[in-house]
């Protein structure tokens, strides 16, 4: 049966004063798929290790199902938490076959050896490795080893599966195929899953809920759609994909929640944008300096003298095409607005020539304005 997870004010400080986690609180519904997203050093691995029982918490509480597994007085060992783990480096026994690696997860249940091997064979069939059951890890590819590790986690039939960046060692094509397999298999198993990654595309593809960590703090948690369309902070916006940033000045706020801003750039027209989630209830004053963060989906490219067939909408900005890349479904452009400002990932179905001057129209859904002028972290 899937377990709920409740994390309350969790803190972890290592010897020497390195504070890896600070007052992290999070609720995970039973049977849901949570992805912890953040860069190296954000605390996502430490949080996963605290959930697993590999690390002792410094403060706060973790409840899995109905049991408190960690607080100031309690620390249950990993083998007492009814969980399975899929590691980044697979962690397979090199002297055991694929079948025996998977069957190893059933040892603590004291089942007959023949039954363990039979169930392992069935699980290997489910992950597409039934014909490779007798091979050893060094005889398997990286993707095959990762499927053995996944089969081992699934066969344990625990209420919680933890995944420690399991796809980071695989090439791009295999990573995408394994992502689909992991998603399908763990949802079929109906276990609660906590998965960590630094790849926002992977996080959005897998998650029911995403938790974004920055320097040990949980800065936003929500569905992939909420994280993308209403980033709570400039860090969240940057880490989940931007075309670029523009300094702007607020002119007015509209009843529909959008605000009218004007870029602090010569020759640019005013345009609409959204304030971020964390500031929806705060009034942005006319004349206030701010920073607008633009998603690639928030930019439309107008070529051929800025015209757009069938419309009379003028562009908001103009710029010069610095680079263009074919992406199969169309072209992504890098546009220099001026010598200090570049927008990247600007999609168009047709190629604009390098060096061509183009117009850009901005969609408020993909433009988010944050109060104050924040320095870029890139």
Foldseek 3Di string as FASTA:
>chain_A
DAKKKWWAQWWAADPPGQTQAGGATDTGDTLFEEEEAEDPSLNQVVVLCCLQLVDAIPATWMDIHNDTCHHPVHHDHNVVNQAAEQEQQLPFDQVQFLLVSLLVLCVVVVDDPVVSSVLSLVLCVLLPNNVRRRHGPVVDDLLSSSSSSVSSRLSNLGQEYEYEPNLPVDDDVSSVVVLVVSLVRSSVSSHYYYYYDHDLVSNLVRGQKYFYGGNNYGQDMDHNVLLQQAPQDPVSPVSNAFQWKFKWFWAAADPVQWTWIFTPDPPFAIDIAHAHPNCSPPDDDGGFIWMKTFHLVFKAKAADVQDDPPDDDGFRAKFFFQDWDQDPQAIWTWTDRDPVTIGTRNTDRYDDDGGGMIGMHGDRSGMYIYGDDDDDPD
